[in-house]
Amino acid sequence: MFSSVLRDAEVVDFARDAVAPVDAYLDEAADLLLSGRQARGRRRELLRGTLRHVVAFTTWRSLSANGVPRSDAVRLNSALVDAAASTAHG
């Protein structure tokens, strides 16, 4: 059901308003995860975007729908965050 609401939120104002608190919560989660890292400038922006991606419901749904077990999804997302942290310097 949640995936349908997320889909509808892309085109229906009422649904967008309904998921706004979830989006705000996930934004806060990404910021909290970022707070423990020493990153500035472009590196910080890249890392925050990556963190926001890995906490998104749609990321986990896609991995699961494509047969990726949860334990592997955790490892893959952790590796993505590590890669983002080391990719953009400065």
PDB file of N, CA and C in Angstrom:
ATOM      1  N   MET A   1       0.810  -1.179   0.000  1.00  0.00           N
ATOM      2  CA  MET A   1       0.000   0.000   0.000  1.00  0.00           C
ATOM      3  C   MET A   1       0.863   1.255   0.000  1.00  0.00           C
ATOM      4  N   PHE A   2       1.929   1.252   0.802  1.00  0.00           N
ATOM      5  CA  PHE A   2       2.800   2.420   0.885  1.00  0.00           C
ATOM      6  C   PHE A   2       3.444   2.722  -0.460  1.00  0.00           C
ATOM      7  N   SER A   3       3.819   1.694  -1.193  1.00  0.00           N
ATOM      8  CA  SER A   3       4.431   1.927  -2.503  1.00  0.00           C
ATOM      9  C   SER A   3       3.445   2.608  -3.452  1.00  0.00           C
ATOM     10  N   SER A   4       2.165   2.284  -3.338  1.00  0.00           N
ATOM     11  CA  SER A   4       1.154   2.946  -4.168  1.00  0.00           C
ATOM     12  C   SER A   4       1.021   4.417  -3.791  1.00  0.00           C
ATOM     13  N   VAL A   5       1.061   4.701  -2.514  1.00  0.00           N
ATOM     14  CA  VAL A   5       0.973   6.095  -2.065  1.00  0.00           C
ATOM     15  C   VAL A   5       2.194   6.874  -2.542  1.00  0.00           C
ATOM     16  N   LEU A   6       3.373   6.269  -2.454  1.00  0.00           N
ATOM     17  CA  LEU A   6       4.582   6.938  -2.945  1.00  0.00           C
ATOM     18  C   LEU A   6       4.502   7.205  -4.444  1.00  0.00           C
ATOM     19  N   ARG A   7       4.001   6.241  -5.176  1.00  0.00           N
ATOM     20  CA  ARG A   7       3.824   6.418  -6.623  1.00  0.00           C
ATOM     21  C   ARG A   7       2.871   7.566  -6.892  1.00  0.00           C
ATOM     22  N   ASP A   8       1.749   7.584  -6.200  1.00  0.00           N
ATOM     23  CA  ASP A   8       0.757   8.634  -6.406  1.00  0.00           C
ATOM     24  C   ASP A   8       1.269  10.010  -5.988  1.00  0.00           C
ATOM     25  N   ALA A   9       2.156  10.051  -5.020  1.00  0.00           N
ATOM     26  CA  ALA A   9       2.682  11.323  -4.526  1.00  0.00           C
ATOM     27  C   ALA A   9       3.451  12.082  -5.598  1.00  0.00           C
ATOM     28  N   GLU A  10       3.891  11.370  -6.622  1.00  0.00           N
ATOM     29  CA  GLU A  10       4.605  12.033  -7.709  1.00  0.00           C
ATOM     30  C   GLU A  10       3.678  12.876  -8.569  1.00  0.00           C
ATOM     31  N   VAL A  11       2.382  12.594  -8.542  1.00  0.00           N
ATOM     32  CA  VAL A  11       1.454  13.302  -9.431  1.00  0.00           C
ATOM     33  C   VAL A  11       0.206  13.854  -8.741  1.00  0.00           C
ATOM     34  N   VAL A  12      -0.064  13.464  -7.520  1.00  0.00           N
ATOM     35  CA  VAL A  12      -1.289  13.884  -6.832  1.00  0.00           C
ATOM     36  C   VAL A  12      -0.919  14.693  -5.592  1.00  0.00           C
ATOM     37  N   ASP A  13      -1.383  15.941  -5.553  1.00  0.00           N
ATOM     38  CA  ASP A  13      -1.039  16.824  -4.434  1.00  0.00           C
ATOM     39  C   ASP A  13      -1.426  16.238  -3.084  1.00  0.00           C
ATOM     40  N   PHE A  14      -2.613  15.661  -2.991  1.00  0.00           N
ATOM     41  CA  PHE A  14      -3.070  15.096  -1.723  1.00  0.00           C
ATOM     42  C   PHE A  14      -2.120  14.005  -1.229  1.00  0.00           C
ATOM     43  N   ALA A  15      -1.707  13.135  -2.126  1.00  0.00           N
ATOM     44  CA  ALA A  15      -0.778  12.059  -1.751  1.00  0.00           C
ATOM     45  C   ALA A  15       0.585  12.638  -1.391  1.00  0.00           C
ATOM     46  N   ARG A  16       1.028  13.663  -2.108  1.00  0.00           N
ATOM     47  CA  ARG A  16       2.303  14.312  -1.813  1.00  0.00           C
ATOM     48  C   ARG A  16       2.289  14.871  -0.394  1.00  0.00           C
ATOM     49  N   ASP A  17       1.179  15.506  -0.040  1.00  0.00           N
ATOM     50  CA  ASP A  17       1.038  16.044   1.308  1.00  0.00           C
ATOM     51  C   ASP A  17       1.050  14.935   2.356  1.00  0.00           C
ATOM     52  N   ALA A  18       0.464  13.802   1.996  1.00  0.00           N
ATOM     53  CA  ALA A  18       0.390  12.677   2.932  1.00  0.00           C
ATOM     54  C   ALA A  18       1.762  12.082   3.233  1.00  0.00           C
ATOM     55  N   VAL A  19       2.658  12.090   2.266  1.00  0.00           N
ATOM     56  CA  VAL A  19       3.979  11.492   2.490  1.00  0.00           C
ATOM     57  C   VAL A  19       5.023  12.512   2.930  1.00  0.00           C
ATOM     58  N   ALA A  20       4.657  13.781   2.990  1.00  0.00           N
ATOM     59  CA  ALA A  20       5.605  14.820   3.397  1.00  0.00           C
ATOM     60  C   ALA A  20       6.248  14.527   4.760  1.00  0.00           C
ATOM     61  N   PRO A  21       5.494  14.071   5.760  1.00  0.00           N
ATOM     62  CA  PRO A  21       6.133  13.757   7.042  1.00  0.00           C
ATOM     63  C   PRO A  21       7.152  12.610   6.938  1.00  0.00           C
ATOM     64  N   VAL A  22       6.883  11.646   6.092  1.00  0.00           N
ATOM     65  CA  VAL A  22       7.824  10.542   5.890  1.00  0.00           C
ATOM     66  C   VAL A  22       9.093  11.072   5.228  1.00  0.00           C
ATOM     67  N   ASP A  23       8.932  11.921   4.220  1.00  0.00           N
ATOM     68  CA  ASP A  23      10.095  12.523   3.567  1.00  0.00           C
ATOM     69  C   ASP A  23      10.916  13.335   4.554  1.00  0.00           C
ATOM     70  N   ALA A  24      10.251  14.100   5.398  1.00  0.00           N
ATOM     71  CA  ALA A  24      10.960  14.900   6.402  1.00  0.00           C
ATOM     72  C   ALA A  24      11.722  13.998   7.373  1.00  0.00           C
ATOM     73  N   TYR A  25      11.095  12.906   7.779  1.00  0.00           N
ATOM     74  CA  TYR A  25      11.740  11.948   8.682  1.00  0.00           C
ATOM     75  C   TYR A  25      12.993  11.348   8.035  1.00  0.00           C
ATOM     76  N   LEU A  26      12.899  10.975   6.769  1.00  0.00           N
ATOM     77  CA  LEU A  26      14.046  10.380   6.077  1.00  0.00           C
ATOM     78  C   LEU A  26      15.135  11.416   5.831  1.00  0.00           C
ATOM     79  N   ASP A  27      14.745  12.664   5.596  1.00  0.00           N
ATOM     80  CA  ASP A  27      15.739  13.737   5.494  1.00  0.00           C
ATOM     81  C   ASP A  27      16.505  13.877   6.807  1.00  0.00           C
ATOM     82  N   GLU A  28      15.785  13.850   7.913  1.00  0.00           N
ATOM     83  CA  GLU A  28      16.413  13.934   9.238  1.00  0.00           C
ATOM     84  C   GLU A  28      17.322  12.733   9.498  1.00  0.00           C
ATOM     85  N   ALA A  29      16.887  11.555   9.064  1.00  0.00           N
ATOM     86  CA  ALA A  29      17.711  10.350   9.239  1.00  0.00           C
ATOM     87  C   ALA A  29      19.020  10.497   8.476  1.00  0.00           C
ATOM     88  N   ALA A  30      18.950  10.988   7.236  1.00  0.00           N
ATOM     89  CA  ALA A  30      20.164  11.189   6.437  1.00  0.00           C
ATOM     90  C   ALA A  30      21.070  12.221   7.097  1.00  0.00           C
ATOM     91  N   ASP A  31      20.490  13.297   7.609  1.00  0.00           N
ATOM     92  CA  ASP A  31      21.285  14.323   8.292  1.00  0.00           C
ATOM     93  C   ASP A  31      21.954  13.765   9.546  1.00  0.00           C
ATOM     94  N   LEU A  32      21.234  12.941  10.279  1.00  0.00           N
ATOM     95  CA  LEU A  32      21.796  12.332  11.489  1.00  0.00           C
ATOM     96  C   LEU A  32      22.966  11.417  11.140  1.00  0.00           C
ATOM     97  N   LEU A  33      22.810  10.612  10.111  1.00  0.00           N
ATOM     98  CA  LEU A  33      23.896   9.728   9.679  1.00  0.00           C
ATOM     99  C   LEU A  33      25.095  10.529   9.157  1.00  0.00           C
ATOM    100  N   LEU A  34      24.829  11.664   8.564  1.00  0.00           N
ATOM    101  CA  LEU A  34      25.891  12.521   8.053  1.00  0.00           C
ATOM    102  C   LEU A  34      26.642  13.224   9.177  1.00  0.00           C
ATOM    103  N   SER A  35      25.966  13.490  10.277  1.00  0.00           N
ATOM    104  CA  SER A  35      26.562  14.275  11.356  1.00  0.00           C
ATOM    105  C   SER A  35      27.814  13.637  11.945  1.00  0.00           C
ATOM    106  N   GLY A  36      27.947  12.354  11.855  1.00  0.00           N
ATOM    107  CA  GLY A  36      29.116  11.689  12.407  1.00  0.00           C
ATOM    108  C   GLY A  36      30.297  11.621  11.456  1.00  0.00           C
ATOM    109  N   ARG A  37      30.170  12.235  10.302  1.00  0.00           N
ATOM    110  CA  ARG A  37      31.229  12.142   9.290  1.00  0.00           C
ATOM    111  C   ARG A  37      31.890  13.497   9.097  1.00  0.00           C
ATOM    112  N   GLN A  38      33.188  13.442   8.855  1.00  0.00           N
ATOM    113  CA  GLN A  38      33.952  14.657   8.593  1.00  0.00           C
ATOM    114  C   GLN A  38      33.955  14.919   7.091  1.00  0.00           C
ATOM    115  N   ALA A  39      32.953  15.637   6.619  1.00  0.00           N
ATOM    116  CA  ALA A  39      32.850  15.922   5.191  1.00  0.00           C
ATOM    117  C   ALA A  39      32.432  17.371   5.027  1.00  0.00           C
ATOM    118  N   ARG A  40      33.023  18.025   4.034  1.00  0.00           N
ATOM    119  CA  ARG A  40      32.694  19.420   3.763  1.00  0.00           C
ATOM    120  C   ARG A  40      32.488  19.614   2.270  1.00  0.00           C
ATOM    121  N   GLY A  41      31.806  20.707   1.917  1.00  0.00           N
ATOM    122  CA  GLY A  41      31.659  21.096   0.525  1.00  0.00           C
ATOM    123  C   GLY A  41      30.967  20.041  -0.332  1.00  0.00           C
ATOM    124  N   ARG A  42      31.530  19.840  -1.511  1.00  0.00           N
ATOM    125  CA  ARG A  42      30.954  18.900  -2.490  1.00  0.00           C
ATOM    126  C   ARG A  42      30.896  17.478  -1.936  1.00  0.00           C
ATOM    127  N   ARG A  43      31.910  17.095  -1.207  1.00  0.00           N
ATOM    128  CA  ARG A  43      31.922  15.750  -0.617  1.00  0.00           C
ATOM    129  C   ARG A  43      30.738  15.569   0.327  1.00  0.00           C
ATOM    130  N   ARG A  44      30.444  16.589   1.123  1.00  0.00           N
ATOM    131  CA  ARG A  44      29.315  16.527   2.052  1.00  0.00           C
ATOM    132  C   ARG A  44      27.995  16.409   1.281  1.00  0.00           C
ATOM    133  N   GLU A  45      27.844  17.181   0.203  1.00  0.00           N
ATOM    134  CA  GLU A  45      26.626  17.122  -0.609  1.00  0.00           C
ATOM    135  C   GLU A  45      26.441  15.741  -1.224  1.00  0.00           C
ATOM    136  N   LEU A  46      27.517  15.190  -1.758  1.00  0.00           N
ATOM    137  CA  LEU A  46      27.461  13.857  -2.372  1.00  0.00           C
ATOM    138  C   LEU A  46      27.108  12.802  -1.327  1.00  0.00           C
ATOM    139  N   LEU A  47      27.730  12.894  -0.192  1.00  0.00           N
ATOM    140  CA  LEU A  47      27.485  11.932   0.875  1.00  0.00           C
ATOM    141  C   LEU A  47      26.057  12.039   1.401  1.00  0.00           C
ATOM    142  N   ARG A  48      25.553  13.262   1.563  1.00  0.00           N
ATOM    143  CA  ARG A  48      24.181  13.420   2.043  1.00  0.00           C
ATOM    144  C   ARG A  48      23.185  12.857   1.029  1.00  0.00           C
ATOM    145  N   GLY A  49      23.410  13.124  -0.250  1.00  0.00           N
ATOM    146  CA  GLY A  49      22.531  12.577  -1.278  1.00  0.00           C
ATOM    147  C   GLY A  49      22.540  11.056  -1.286  1.00  0.00           C
ATOM    148  N   THR A  50      23.707  10.492  -1.076  1.00  0.00           N
ATOM    149  CA  THR A  50      23.824   9.030  -1.026  1.00  0.00           C
ATOM    150  C   THR A  50      23.111   8.474   0.199  1.00  0.00           C
ATOM    151  N   LEU A  51      23.307   9.118   1.337  1.00  0.00           N
ATOM    152  CA  LEU A  51      22.621   8.672   2.553  1.00  0.00           C
ATOM    153  C   LEU A  51      21.108   8.768   2.396  1.00  0.00           C
ATOM    154  N   ARG A  52      20.644   9.837   1.782  1.00  0.00           N
ATOM    155  CA  ARG A  52      19.199   9.991   1.576  1.00  0.00           C
ATOM    156  C   ARG A  52      18.664   8.895   0.652  1.00  0.00           C
ATOM    157  N   HIS A  53      19.477   8.528  -0.331  1.00  0.00           N
ATOM    158  CA  HIS A  53      19.091   7.447  -1.240  1.00  0.00           C
ATOM    159  C   HIS A  53      18.991   6.112  -0.503  1.00  0.00           C
ATOM    160  N   VAL A  54      19.963   5.812   0.332  1.00  0.00           N
ATOM    161  CA  VAL A  54      19.969   4.488   0.964  1.00  0.00           C
ATOM    162  C   VAL A  54      18.918   4.347   2.064  1.00  0.00           C
ATOM    163  N   VAL A  55      18.402   5.442   2.592  1.00  0.00           N
ATOM    164  CA  VAL A  55      17.331   5.302   3.585  1.00  0.00           C
ATOM    165  C   VAL A  55      15.944   5.332   2.939  1.00  0.00           C
ATOM    166  N   ALA A  56      15.883   5.575   1.641  1.00  0.00           N
ATOM    167  CA  ALA A  56      14.594   5.658   0.954  1.00  0.00           C
ATOM    168  C   ALA A  56      13.912   4.298   0.847  1.00  0.00           C
ATOM    169  N   PHE A  57      12.630   4.307   1.073  1.00  0.00           N
ATOM    170  CA  PHE A  57      11.819   3.096   0.936  1.00  0.00           C
ATOM    171  C   PHE A  57      11.977   2.486  -0.454  1.00  0.00           C
ATOM    172  N   THR A  58      11.993   3.338  -1.466  1.00  0.00           N
ATOM    173  CA  THR A  58      12.059   2.856  -2.841  1.00  0.00           C
ATOM    174  C   THR A  58      13.365   2.127  -3.143  1.00  0.00           C
ATOM    175  N   THR A  59      14.446   2.529  -2.490  1.00  0.00           N
ATOM    176  CA  THR A  59      15.730   1.845  -2.690  1.00  0.00           C
ATOM    177  C   THR A  59      15.628   0.399  -2.207  1.00  0.00           C
ATOM    178  N   TRP A  60      15.107   0.231  -0.997  1.00  0.00           N
ATOM    179  CA  TRP A  60      15.003  -1.108  -0.409  1.00  0.00           C
ATOM    180  C   TRP A  60      13.975  -1.949  -1.137  1.00  0.00           C
ATOM    181  N   ARG A  61      12.898  -1.328  -1.568  1.00  0.00           N
ATOM    182  CA  ARG A  61      11.871  -2.041  -2.322  1.00  0.00           C
ATOM    183  C   ARG A  61      12.433  -2.551  -3.642  1.00  0.00           C
ATOM    184  N   SER A  62      13.187  -1.727  -4.328  1.00  0.00           N
ATOM    185  CA  SER A  62      13.772  -2.114  -5.609  1.00  0.00           C
ATOM    186  C   SER A  62      14.748  -3.270  -5.441  1.00  0.00           C
ATOM    187  N   LEU A  63      15.609  -3.175  -4.451  1.00  0.00           N
ATOM    188  CA  LEU A  63      16.572  -4.255  -4.228  1.00  0.00           C
ATOM    189  C   LEU A  63      15.850  -5.564  -3.920  1.00  0.00           C
ATOM    190  N   SER A  64      14.854  -5.493  -3.059  1.00  0.00           N
ATOM    191  CA  SER A  64      14.086  -6.685  -2.702  1.00  0.00           C
ATOM    192  C   SER A  64      13.359  -7.256  -3.920  1.00  0.00           C
ATOM    193  N   ALA A  65      12.752  -6.376  -4.702  1.00  0.00           N
ATOM    194  CA  ALA A  65      12.013  -6.826  -5.889  1.00  0.00           C
ATOM    195  C   ALA A  65      12.934  -7.474  -6.919  1.00  0.00           C
ATOM    196  N   ASN A  66      14.212  -7.131  -6.859  1.00  0.00           N
ATOM    197  CA  ASN A  66      15.175  -7.703  -7.794  1.00  0.00           C
ATOM    198  C   ASN A  66      15.955  -8.865  -7.197  1.00  0.00           C
ATOM    199  N   GLY A  67      15.420  -9.416  -6.111  1.00  0.00           N
ATOM    200  CA  GLY A  67      15.981 -10.633  -5.545  1.00  0.00           C
ATOM    201  C   GLY A  67      17.191 -10.465  -4.648  1.00  0.00           C
ATOM    202  N   VAL A  68      17.463  -9.231  -4.221  1.00  0.00           N
ATOM    203  CA  VAL A  68      18.616  -9.003  -3.345  1.00  0.00           C
ATOM    204  C   VAL A  68      18.170  -9.211  -1.897  1.00  0.00           C
ATOM    205  N   PRO A  69      18.750 -10.196  -1.222  1.00  0.00           N
ATOM    206  CA  PRO A  69      18.385 -10.431   0.176  1.00  0.00           C
ATOM    207  C   PRO A  69      18.758  -9.221   1.047  1.00  0.00           C
ATOM    208  N   ARG A  70      18.027  -9.034   2.131  1.00  0.00           N
ATOM    209  CA  ARG A  70      18.233  -7.881   3.001  1.00  0.00           C
ATOM    210  C   ARG A  70      19.683  -7.752   3.476  1.00  0.00           C
ATOM    211  N   SER A  71      20.306  -8.848   3.862  1.00  0.00           N
ATOM    212  CA  SER A  71      21.688  -8.769   4.352  1.00  0.00           C
ATOM    213  C   SER A  71      22.637  -8.268   3.263  1.00  0.00           C
ATOM    214  N   ASP A  72      22.399  -8.690   2.032  1.00  0.00           N
ATOM    215  CA  ASP A  72      23.215  -8.198   0.911  1.00  0.00           C
ATOM    216  C   ASP A  72      22.891  -6.734   0.611  1.00  0.00           C
ATOM    217  N   ALA A  73      21.624  -6.355   0.740  1.00  0.00           N
ATOM    218  CA  ALA A  73      21.234  -4.964   0.506  1.00  0.00           C
ATOM    219  C   ALA A  73      21.932  -4.046   1.508  1.00  0.00           C
ATOM    220  N   VAL A  74      22.032  -4.482   2.740  1.00  0.00           N
ATOM    221  CA  VAL A  74      22.734  -3.695   3.761  1.00  0.00           C
ATOM    222  C   VAL A  74      24.192  -3.514   3.361  1.00  0.00           C
ATOM    223  N   ARG A  75      24.838  -4.605   2.964  1.00  0.00           N
ATOM    224  CA  ARG A  75      26.250  -4.521   2.552  1.00  0.00           C
ATOM    225  C   ARG A  75      26.428  -3.634   1.321  1.00  0.00           C
ATOM    226  N   LEU A  76      25.533  -3.763   0.351  1.00  0.00           N
ATOM    227  CA  LEU A  76      25.624  -2.945  -0.862  1.00  0.00           C
ATOM    228  C   LEU A  76      25.444  -1.463  -0.553  1.00  0.00           C
ATOM    229  N   ASN A  77      24.453  -1.153   0.257  1.00  0.00           N
ATOM    230  CA  ASN A  77      24.222   0.250   0.601  1.00  0.00           C
ATOM    231  C   ASN A  77      25.351   0.820   1.450  1.00  0.00           C
ATOM    232  N   SER A  78      25.894   0.016   2.324  1.00  0.00           N
ATOM    233  CA  SER A  78      27.055   0.468   3.109  1.00  0.00           C
ATOM    234  C   SER A  78      28.247   0.750   2.204  1.00  0.00           C
ATOM    235  N   ALA A  79      28.454  -0.106   1.222  1.00  0.00           N
ATOM    236  CA  ALA A  79      29.550   0.097   0.278  1.00  0.00           C
ATOM    237  C   ALA A  79      29.316   1.352  -0.566  1.00  0.00           C
ATOM    238  N   LEU A  80      28.059   1.606  -0.911  1.00  0.00           N
ATOM    239  CA  LEU A  80      27.750   2.816  -1.675  1.00  0.00           C
ATOM    240  C   LEU A  80      28.068   4.072  -0.859  1.00  0.00           C
ATOM    241  N   VAL A  81      27.702   4.063   0.413  1.00  0.00           N
ATOM    242  CA  VAL A  81      28.014   5.203   1.281  1.00  0.00           C
ATOM    243  C   VAL A  81      29.530   5.372   1.414  1.00  0.00           C
ATOM    244  N   ASP A  82      30.234   4.264   1.621  1.00  0.00           N
ATOM    245  CA  ASP A  82      31.707   4.331   1.715  1.00  0.00           C
ATOM    246  C   ASP A  82      32.311   4.884   0.441  1.00  0.00           C
ATOM    247  N   ALA A  83      31.786   4.460  -0.698  1.00  0.00           N
ATOM    248  CA  ALA A  83      32.305   4.948  -1.987  1.00  0.00           C
ATOM    249  C   ALA A  83      32.047   6.445  -2.140  1.00  0.00           C
ATOM    250  N   ALA A  84      30.863   6.886  -1.746  1.00  0.00           N
ATOM    251  CA  ALA A  84      30.546   8.314  -1.826  1.00  0.00           C
ATOM    252  C   ALA A  84      31.452   9.121  -0.913  1.00  0.00           C
ATOM    253  N   ALA A  85      31.762   8.566   0.242  1.00  0.00           N
ATOM    254  CA  ALA A  85      32.617   9.274   1.204  1.00  0.00           C
ATOM    255  C   ALA A  85      34.048   9.413   0.674  1.00  0.00           C
ATOM    256  N   SER A  86      34.472   8.488  -0.149  1.00  0.00           N
ATOM    257  CA  SER A  86      35.855   8.544  -0.638  1.00  0.00           C
ATOM    258  C   SER A  86      35.967   9.075  -2.058  1.00  0.00           C
ATOM    259  N   THR A  87      34.842   9.264  -2.752  1.00  0.00           N
ATOM    260  CA  THR A  87      34.878   9.701  -4.152  1.00  0.00           C
ATOM    261  C   THR A  87      35.174  11.182  -4.311  1.00  0.00           C
ATOM    262  N   ALA A  88      34.393  12.000  -3.654  1.00  0.00           N
ATOM    263  CA  ALA A  88      34.559  13.454  -3.817  1.00  0.00           C
ATOM    264  C   ALA A  88      35.374  13.988  -2.644  1.00  0.00           C
ATOM    265  N   HIS A  89      36.549  14.458  -2.935  1.00  0.00           N
ATOM    266  CA  HIS A  89      37.418  15.002  -1.885  1.00  0.00           C
ATOM    267  C   HIS A  89      37.327  16.508  -1.899  1.00  0.00           C
ATOM    268  N   GLY A  90      36.923  17.053  -0.751  1.00  0.00           N
ATOM    269  CA  GLY A  90      36.872  18.512  -0.614  1.00  0.00           C
ATOM    270  C   GLY A  90      35.570  19.030  -0.732  1.00  0.00           C
TER     271      GLY A  90
END
